[in-house]
């Protein structure tokens, strides 16, 4: 039985869309006619997936948000623990969701399971919805016979990753708003307020102070070339983004970022936490260590650390211990290396990796909080200095006029 997406007209002439399971499009049309609807279009979900793979626009490729993936995983784990077969659990979760895209993906996976494929192989037809980490963990759970427990771990992992991402995003939201607001205020002052005020002093013909002349020049530049400068900045950002797609340049940039004082520490902490947490859940699920290292390296955002993780996987496959391989990589913090060494010696590597991930996430949150705490007074000082210079540039000619009158 496969899943089909349909469009039909109901008895009042309104267009209806949805998903039905049937053995053929003809059976779908029969089901719609029994409801008094007129079928307009019927398409198998796997055909829709194949068409989406052919297009270069990722917008039309089936995907699933982190929240939807976490919720579906949690529901799947609960239903499988209750004794439901995988195909029935997929059908029940699909029936509960209100999003057609998610329902289409789940029913497409169920159709592959009904054909005799494993759940992991069925998930592989939707790589954007179910990443490599997810599919490998499910495959390990199926092989070990503990799919329900593995799905519970995946749900916990996905929810934890989402919480960490939201914390960082919310922490950086205020500095971003403050920066943009400050730039807009200064631009407005220089482009519209300052020219009208300074014009009065220029018309008097008096000799203006150097600070006032500099402010007039800056104001004229903003007024005459502000939009052009903004366009140039946008063009440079676009070209820079294109250039960063070159692996060699991106590698050098990412390596340089790790050497910067605050940014480097933040990038290293984020990638270390992601690597450790991914490696932990894969190890707990029974994925071989070398394969787990490869998958954990793929989820990293820094190409330099990602390349070093590939070297770590190669050294481990050659018989090197994990903590020595991490030490030779020279891109992970010493605390992580010591805890991994302890986990290897005690036989509790997965537990130690979980602690490493938790410690790194706490350090990252502390670092972000420190950055935000320092950024706010820094921006206030910068804004205060800029406003003070503008006020001085306006007041100095006024004081000169008063002295001449006296």
Protein backbone atom coordinates (compact mmCIF):
# COMPACT_ATOMS: atom_id res chain seq x y z
CA UNK A 1 0.00 0.00 0.00
CA UNK A 2 1.38 3.39 -1.03
CA UNK A 3 0.63 6.99 -0.12
CA UNK A 4 -0.93 9.38 -2.65
CA UNK A 5 -1.40 13.14 -2.54
CA UNK A 6 -4.66 14.32 -4.04
CA UNK A 7 -6.53 17.44 -5.09
CA UNK A 8 -10.30 17.25 -5.39
CA UNK A 9 -13.45 19.37 -5.44
CA UNK A 10 -15.94 18.80 -2.64
CA UNK A 11 -19.71 19.08 -2.93
CA UNK A 12 -19.55 22.89 -2.58
CA UNK A 13 -16.92 23.29 -5.30
CA UNK A 14 -14.03 24.03 -2.92
CA UNK A 15 -10.58 22.57 -3.57
CA UNK A 16 -9.48 19.95 -1.08
CA UNK A 17 -5.94 18.62 -0.63
CA UNK A 18 -4.67 15.72 1.41
CA UNK A 19 -3.01 12.33 1.51
CA UNK A 20 -4.61 8.89 1.27
CA UNK A 21 -3.20 5.38 1.38
CA UNK A 22 -4.26 2.98 -1.32
CA UNK A 23 -2.98 0.24 -3.63
CA UNK A 24 -3.35 2.37 -6.77
CA UNK A 25 -4.46 5.84 -7.97
CA UNK A 26 -7.70 4.22 -9.15
CA UNK A 27 -8.52 3.18 -5.58
CA UNK A 28 -7.84 6.74 -4.40
CA UNK A 29 -10.29 8.10 -6.98
CA UNK A 30 -12.87 5.57 -5.78
CA UNK A 31 -12.40 6.68 -2.16
CA UNK A 32 -12.83 10.32 -3.15
CA UNK A 33 -15.97 9.61 -5.20
CA UNK A 34 -17.47 7.73 -2.25
CA UNK A 35 -17.10 10.97 -0.25
CA UNK A 36 -18.90 12.89 -3.01
CA UNK A 37 -15.71 14.63 -4.21
CA UNK A 38 -14.44 15.05 -7.77
CA UNK A 39 -10.76 14.02 -8.18
CA UNK A 40 -8.56 16.57 -9.93
CA UNK A 41 -5.02 15.35 -9.41
CA UNK A 42 -3.47 12.28 -7.78
CA UNK A 43 0.26 11.75 -7.37
CA UNK A 44 2.29 9.13 -5.49
CA UNK A 45 4.48 10.57 -2.78
CA UNK A 46 7.57 8.73 -4.05
CA UNK A 47 7.07 10.31 -7.49
CA UNK A 48 6.92 13.70 -5.85
CA UNK A 49 10.17 12.89 -4.03
CA UNK A 50 11.89 11.86 -7.28
CA UNK A 51 10.80 15.09 -8.94
CA UNK A 52 12.08 17.08 -5.98
CA UNK A 53 15.49 15.44 -6.22
CA UNK A 54 15.83 16.56 -9.83
CA UNK A 55 15.36 20.23 -9.07
CA UNK A 56 18.23 22.38 -7.84
CA UNK A 57 16.07 24.40 -5.50
CA UNK A 58 16.19 23.05 -1.95
CA UNK A 59 12.92 24.82 -1.19
CA UNK A 60 10.99 22.09 -3.03
CA UNK A 61 12.85 19.14 -1.54
CA UNK A 62 10.96 17.32 1.23
CA UNK A 63 12.35 18.28 4.60
CA UNK A 64 11.28 18.42 8.22
CA UNK A 65 11.96 20.99 10.91
CA UNK A 66 13.87 20.02 14.05
CA UNK A 67 10.73 20.40 16.17
CA UNK A 68 8.69 18.16 13.85
CA UNK A 69 11.47 15.56 13.72
CA UNK A 70 11.79 15.51 17.50
CA UNK A 71 8.02 15.20 18.02
CA UNK A 72 7.63 12.42 15.44
CA UNK A 73 10.60 10.54 16.89
CA UNK A 74 9.19 10.76 20.41
CA UNK A 75 5.79 9.53 19.24
CA UNK A 76 7.37 6.69 17.26
CA UNK A 77 9.40 5.58 20.29
CA UNK A 78 6.30 5.58 22.50
CA UNK A 79 4.20 3.57 20.04
CA UNK A 80 6.94 1.01 19.35
CA UNK A 81 7.49 0.57 23.09
CA UNK A 82 3.75 -0.12 23.35
CA UNK A 83 4.19 -3.06 20.97
CA UNK A 84 2.97 -1.59 17.66
CA UNK A 85 4.76 -2.70 14.47
CA UNK A 86 6.86 -0.03 12.75
CA UNK A 87 4.43 0.42 9.85
CA UNK A 88 1.46 0.89 12.22
CA UNK A 89 3.44 3.37 14.33
CA UNK A 90 4.31 5.38 11.20
CA UNK A 91 0.65 5.41 10.17
CA UNK A 92 -0.49 6.56 13.61
CA UNK A 93 2.12 9.37 13.78
CA UNK A 94 1.20 10.48 10.26
CA UNK A 95 -2.47 10.62 11.23
CA UNK A 96 -1.70 12.83 14.24
CA UNK A 97 0.29 15.50 12.44
CA UNK A 98 -1.48 18.50 10.93
CA UNK A 99 1.26 19.31 8.40
CA UNK A 100 0.79 17.79 4.96
CA UNK A 101 4.51 17.79 4.21
CA UNK A 102 5.31 15.80 7.36
CA UNK A 103 2.39 13.44 6.73
CA UNK A 104 3.58 12.89 3.16
CA UNK A 105 7.11 12.05 4.34
CA UNK A 106 5.92 9.64 7.02
CA UNK A 107 3.53 7.84 4.70
CA UNK A 108 6.25 7.64 2.05
CA UNK A 109 8.54 5.99 4.61
CA UNK A 110 5.73 3.63 5.62
CA UNK A 111 5.19 2.65 1.98
CA UNK A 112 8.84 1.60 1.71
CA UNK A 113 8.60 -0.34 4.99
CA UNK A 114 5.52 -2.13 3.65
CA UNK A 115 7.58 -3.14 0.61
CA UNK A 116 9.99 -4.98 2.90
CA UNK A 117 12.73 -2.40 3.42
CA UNK A 118 14.18 -1.69 6.84
CA UNK A 119 13.22 1.54 8.56
CA UNK A 120 16.72 2.99 8.11
CA UNK A 121 16.70 2.29 4.36
CA UNK A 122 13.19 3.66 4.09
CA UNK A 123 14.30 6.88 5.78
CA UNK A 124 17.17 7.21 3.29
CA UNK A 125 14.78 8.32 0.53
CA UNK A 126 14.29 11.57 2.50
CA UNK A 127 17.88 12.61 3.35
CA UNK A 128 16.91 16.23 4.05
CA UNK A 129 14.31 15.18 6.59
CA UNK A 130 16.38 12.43 8.21
CA UNK A 131 20.12 13.25 8.27
CA UNK A 132 22.96 10.74 8.17
CA UNK A 133 23.26 10.72 11.98
CA UNK A 134 19.58 9.86 12.36
CA UNK A 135 19.57 7.06 9.79
CA UNK A 136 22.78 5.46 11.09
CA UNK A 137 21.46 5.46 14.64
CA UNK A 138 18.17 3.89 13.55
CA UNK A 139 20.07 1.24 11.58
CA UNK A 140 22.12 0.39 14.67
CA UNK A 141 18.96 0.19 16.77
CA UNK A 142 17.30 -2.15 14.28
CA UNK A 143 20.39 -4.36 14.15
CA UNK A 144 20.60 -4.57 17.97
CA UNK A 145 16.85 -5.04 18.42
CA UNK A 146 16.42 -1.93 20.58
CA UNK A 147 14.74 0.43 18.14
CA UNK A 148 12.44 1.93 20.78
CA UNK A 149 15.34 2.86 23.10
CA UNK A 150 17.35 4.27 20.22
CA UNK A 151 14.42 6.42 19.12
CA UNK A 152 14.08 7.72 22.69
CA UNK A 153 17.77 8.72 22.65
CA UNK A 154 17.33 10.36 19.25
CA UNK A 155 14.36 12.36 20.52
CA UNK A 156 16.34 13.50 23.58
CA UNK A 157 19.33 14.36 21.40
CA UNK A 158 17.24 16.33 18.88
CA UNK A 159 15.43 18.26 21.60
CA UNK A 160 18.72 19.02 23.36
CA UNK A 161 20.30 20.30 20.15
CA UNK A 162 17.29 22.51 19.50
CA UNK A 163 17.38 23.95 23.03
CA UNK A 164 21.09 24.73 22.76
CA UNK A 165 20.62 26.37 19.37
CA UNK A 166 17.73 28.49 20.66
CA UNK A 167 19.74 29.62 23.69
CA UNK A 168 22.59 30.84 21.51
CA UNK A 169 20.22 32.50 19.03
CA UNK A 170 18.28 34.29 21.77
CA UNK A 171 21.51 35.40 23.46
CA UNK A 172 22.85 36.88 20.23
CA UNK A 173 19.53 38.46 19.24
CA UNK A 174 19.87 41.47 21.56
CA UNK A 175 23.40 42.43 20.42
CA UNK A 176 22.29 42.13 16.80
CA UNK A 177 19.25 44.38 17.36
CA UNK A 178 21.37 46.89 19.30
CA UNK A 179 23.99 47.03 16.55
CA UNK A 180 21.48 47.50 13.73
CA UNK A 181 19.55 50.13 15.70
CA UNK A 182 22.74 52.06 16.47
CA UNK A 183 23.80 52.08 12.83
CA UNK A 184 20.36 53.25 11.70
CA UNK A 185 20.28 56.08 14.29
CA UNK A 186 23.74 57.37 13.36
CA UNK A 187 22.93 57.12 9.65
CA UNK A 188 19.70 59.08 10.18
CA UNK A 189 21.51 61.79 12.14
CA UNK A 190 24.26 62.16 9.56
CA UNK A 191 21.96 61.97 6.55
CA UNK A 192 19.00 64.14 7.62
CA UNK A 193 19.51 66.00 10.92
CA UNK A 194 23.11 67.21 10.75
CA UNK A 195 22.93 68.77 7.23
CA UNK A 196 20.01 71.08 8.21
CA UNK A 197 21.74 72.21 11.43
CA UNK A 198 25.18 72.71 9.91
CA UNK A 199 23.73 74.66 6.98
CA UNK A 200 23.02 77.57 9.31
CA UNK A 201 26.70 77.89 10.25
CA UNK A 202 27.89 77.49 6.66
CA UNK A 203 25.64 80.38 5.57
CA UNK A 204 27.18 82.73 8.18
CA UNK A 205 30.53 82.47 6.44
CA UNK A 206 32.46 82.06 9.69
CA UNK A 207 35.49 79.79 10.00
CA UNK A 208 34.31 76.42 11.23
CA UNK A 209 36.22 74.15 13.65
CA UNK A 210 37.96 71.08 12.27
CA UNK A 211 35.54 68.71 14.00
CA UNK A 212 32.58 70.46 12.37
CA UNK A 213 34.22 70.33 8.93
CA UNK A 214 34.88 66.61 9.38
CA UNK A 215 31.25 66.07 10.39
CA UNK A 216 30.05 68.00 7.32
CA UNK A 217 32.23 65.86 5.05
CA UNK A 218 30.98 62.66 6.68
CA UNK A 219 27.39 63.86 6.45
CA UNK A 220 27.78 64.70 2.74
CA UNK A 221 29.29 61.28 2.11
CA UNK A 222 26.40 59.49 3.84
CA UNK A 223 23.83 61.62 2.03
CA UNK A 224 25.39 61.30 -1.44
CA UNK A 225 26.94 57.86 -1.35
CA UNK A 226 25.08 56.06 1.44
CA UNK A 227 22.94 53.89 -0.83
CA UNK A 228 25.90 53.20 -3.10
CA UNK A 229 28.01 52.16 -0.11
CA UNK A 230 25.22 49.87 1.09
CA UNK A 231 25.02 48.31 -2.38
CA UNK A 232 28.78 47.79 -2.46
CA UNK A 233 28.71 46.15 0.97
CA UNK A 234 25.90 43.83 -0.13
CA UNK A 235 27.80 42.98 -3.33
CA UNK A 236 30.96 42.27 -1.36
CA UNK A 237 29.03 40.04 1.05
CA UNK A 238 27.49 38.15 -1.88
CA UNK A 239 30.87 37.65 -3.58
CA UNK A 240 32.48 36.63 -0.30
CA UNK A 241 29.77 34.04 0.23
CA UNK A 242 30.43 32.68 -3.25
CA UNK A 243 34.18 32.58 -2.63
CA UNK A 244 33.66 30.70 0.63
CA UNK A 245 32.23 27.82 -1.38
CA UNK A 246 35.78 27.08 -2.50
CA UNK A 247 37.07 24.38 -0.14
CA UNK A 248 40.65 25.71 0.08
CA UNK A 249 39.63 29.26 0.96
CA UNK A 250 36.91 28.11 3.37
CA UNK A 251 39.45 25.88 5.11
CA UNK A 252 41.87 28.81 5.61
CA UNK A 253 39.10 31.08 6.86
CA UNK A 254 37.83 28.50 9.35
CA UNK A 255 41.37 27.85 10.58
CA UNK A 256 41.89 31.60 11.07
CA UNK A 257 38.60 31.92 12.97
CA UNK A 258 39.83 29.39 15.52
CA UNK A 259 42.81 31.66 16.30
CA UNK A 260 40.71 34.74 17.08
CA UNK A 261 40.29 35.51 20.83
CA UNK A 262 36.51 35.33 21.41
CA UNK A 263 35.21 34.00 18.11
CA UNK A 264 37.74 31.16 18.03
CA UNK A 265 36.86 29.97 21.51
CA UNK A 266 33.14 30.13 20.73
CA UNK A 267 33.54 28.23 17.44
CA UNK A 268 35.74 25.61 19.07
CA UNK A 269 33.26 25.15 21.94
CA UNK A 270 30.23 24.79 19.65
CA UNK A 271 31.94 22.25 17.40
CA UNK A 272 33.40 20.30 20.32
CA UNK A 273 29.98 20.04 21.99
CA UNK A 274 28.38 18.94 18.71
CA UNK A 275 31.11 16.37 18.03
CA UNK A 276 30.98 14.91 21.55
CA UNK A 277 27.17 14.73 21.76
CA UNK A 278 26.86 13.15 18.30
CA UNK A 279 29.61 10.64 19.07
CA UNK A 280 27.94 9.84 22.39
CA UNK A 281 24.53 8.99 20.99
CA UNK A 282 26.06 6.92 18.19
CA UNK A 283 28.25 5.00 20.64
CA UNK A 284 25.28 4.39 22.95
CA UNK A 285 23.26 3.09 20.00
CA UNK A 286 25.89 0.53 19.03
CA UNK A 287 27.35 2.23 15.95
CA UNK A 288 31.02 1.19 15.42
CA UNK A 289 33.42 3.84 16.72
CA UNK A 290 35.12 4.56 13.37
CA UNK A 291 31.77 5.01 11.63
CA UNK A 292 30.53 7.14 14.56
CA UNK A 293 33.58 9.42 14.26
CA UNK A 294 32.94 9.83 10.52
CA UNK A 295 29.30 10.76 11.05
CA UNK A 296 30.12 13.07 13.97
CA UNK A 297 32.65 14.87 11.80
CA UNK A 298 30.07 15.47 9.09
CA UNK A 299 27.79 17.47 11.41
CA UNK A 300 30.53 19.98 12.32
CA UNK A 301 30.33 23.52 11.00
CA UNK A 302 34.07 24.27 10.97
CA UNK A 303 35.86 22.66 8.02
CA UNK A 304 39.24 22.70 9.76
CA UNK A 305 37.93 20.69 12.73
CA UNK A 306 35.95 18.50 10.31
CA UNK A 307 39.13 17.58 8.44
CA UNK A 308 40.90 16.84 11.73
CA UNK A 309 37.99 14.56 12.72
CA UNK A 310 38.53 12.58 9.51
CA UNK A 311 42.17 12.17 10.54
CA UNK A 312 40.99 10.99 13.97
CA UNK A 313 38.78 8.35 12.36
CA UNK A 314 41.66 7.13 10.23
CA UNK A 315 44.02 6.89 13.23
CA UNK A 316 41.41 4.99 15.27
CA UNK A 317 40.83 2.57 12.38
CA UNK A 318 44.60 1.92 12.38
CA UNK A 319 44.52 0.92 16.06
CA UNK A 320 45.13 4.25 17.81
CA UNK A 321 43.13 4.97 20.96
CA UNK A 322 40.56 7.73 20.70
CA UNK A 323 42.09 10.04 23.29
CA UNK A 324 45.54 9.86 21.66
CA UNK A 325 43.99 10.56 18.25
CA UNK A 326 42.14 13.57 19.71
CA UNK A 327 45.38 14.80 21.28
CA UNK A 328 47.24 14.57 17.97
CA UNK A 329 44.49 16.51 16.19
CA UNK A 330 45.36 19.62 18.26
CA UNK A 331 41.88 21.15 17.93
CA UNK A 332 39.98 19.79 20.95
CA UNK A 333 40.25 21.10 24.55
CA UNK A 334 42.48 19.19 27.03
CA UNK A 335 39.54 18.52 29.38
CA UNK A 336 37.76 16.58 26.64
CA UNK A 337 40.88 14.49 25.95
CA UNK A 338 41.34 13.63 29.64
CA UNK A 339 37.69 12.65 30.07
CA UNK A 340 37.76 10.49 26.92
CA UNK A 341 40.91 8.78 28.21
CA UNK A 342 39.14 8.10 31.49
CA UNK A 343 36.11 6.72 29.66
CA UNK A 344 38.24 4.41 27.53
CA UNK A 345 40.10 3.03 30.55
CA UNK A 346 36.90 2.45 32.53
CA UNK A 347 34.84 1.13 29.62
CA UNK A 348 32.29 3.98 29.88
CA UNK A 349 33.25 6.00 26.82
CA UNK A 350 29.67 6.86 25.85
CA UNK A 351 28.93 8.19 29.36
CA UNK A 352 32.08 10.30 29.37
CA UNK A 353 31.27 11.67 25.94
CA UNK A 354 27.84 12.73 27.25
CA UNK A 355 29.53 14.56 30.13
CA UNK A 356 31.97 16.20 27.73
CA UNK A 357 29.08 17.44 25.60
CA UNK A 358 27.23 18.78 28.66
CA UNK A 359 30.38 20.53 29.94
CA UNK A 360 31.10 22.09 26.57
CA UNK A 361 27.51 23.31 26.21
CA UNK A 362 27.69 24.93 29.65
CA UNK A 363 31.01 26.57 28.78
CA UNK A 364 29.56 27.78 25.50
CA UNK A 365 26.50 29.28 27.20
CA UNK A 366 28.76 30.97 29.76
CA UNK A 367 30.97 32.35 26.99
CA UNK A 368 27.97 33.70 25.07
CA UNK A 369 26.61 35.30 28.27
CA UNK A 370 30.02 36.94 28.87
CA UNK A 371 30.14 38.17 25.29
CA UNK A 372 26.65 39.66 25.54
CA UNK A 373 27.47 41.22 28.92
CA UNK A 374 30.57 42.91 27.49
CA UNK A 375 28.97 43.89 24.21
CA UNK A 376 26.17 45.94 25.75
CA UNK A 377 28.38 48.47 27.62
CA UNK A 378 30.79 48.52 24.67
CA UNK A 379 28.01 49.54 22.28
CA UNK A 380 26.74 52.13 24.77
CA UNK A 381 30.23 53.65 24.99
CA UNK A 382 30.56 53.69 21.20
CA UNK A 383 27.13 55.24 20.72
CA UNK A 384 27.79 57.78 23.48
CA UNK A 385 31.10 58.75 21.88
CA UNK A 386 29.52 59.17 18.44
CA UNK A 387 26.66 61.27 19.78
CA UNK A 388 29.10 63.34 21.84
CA UNK A 389 31.20 64.09 18.76
CA UNK A 390 28.10 65.10 16.80
CA UNK A 391 26.93 67.38 19.62
CA UNK A 392 30.39 68.95 19.97
CA UNK A 393 30.61 69.53 16.22
CA UNK A 394 27.30 71.43 16.40
CA UNK A 395 27.96 73.32 19.66
CA UNK A 396 31.47 74.55 18.83
CA UNK A 397 30.29 76.94 16.04
CA UNK A 398 27.48 78.17 18.32
CA UNK A 399 30.02 79.00 21.06
CA UNK A 400 32.18 80.78 18.50
CA UNK A 401 29.23 82.94 17.41
CA UNK A 402 28.45 83.87 21.03
CA UNK A 403 32.06 84.93 21.61
CA UNK A 404 31.97 87.13 18.52
CA UNK A 405 28.72 88.78 19.67
CA UNK A 406 30.18 89.47 23.13
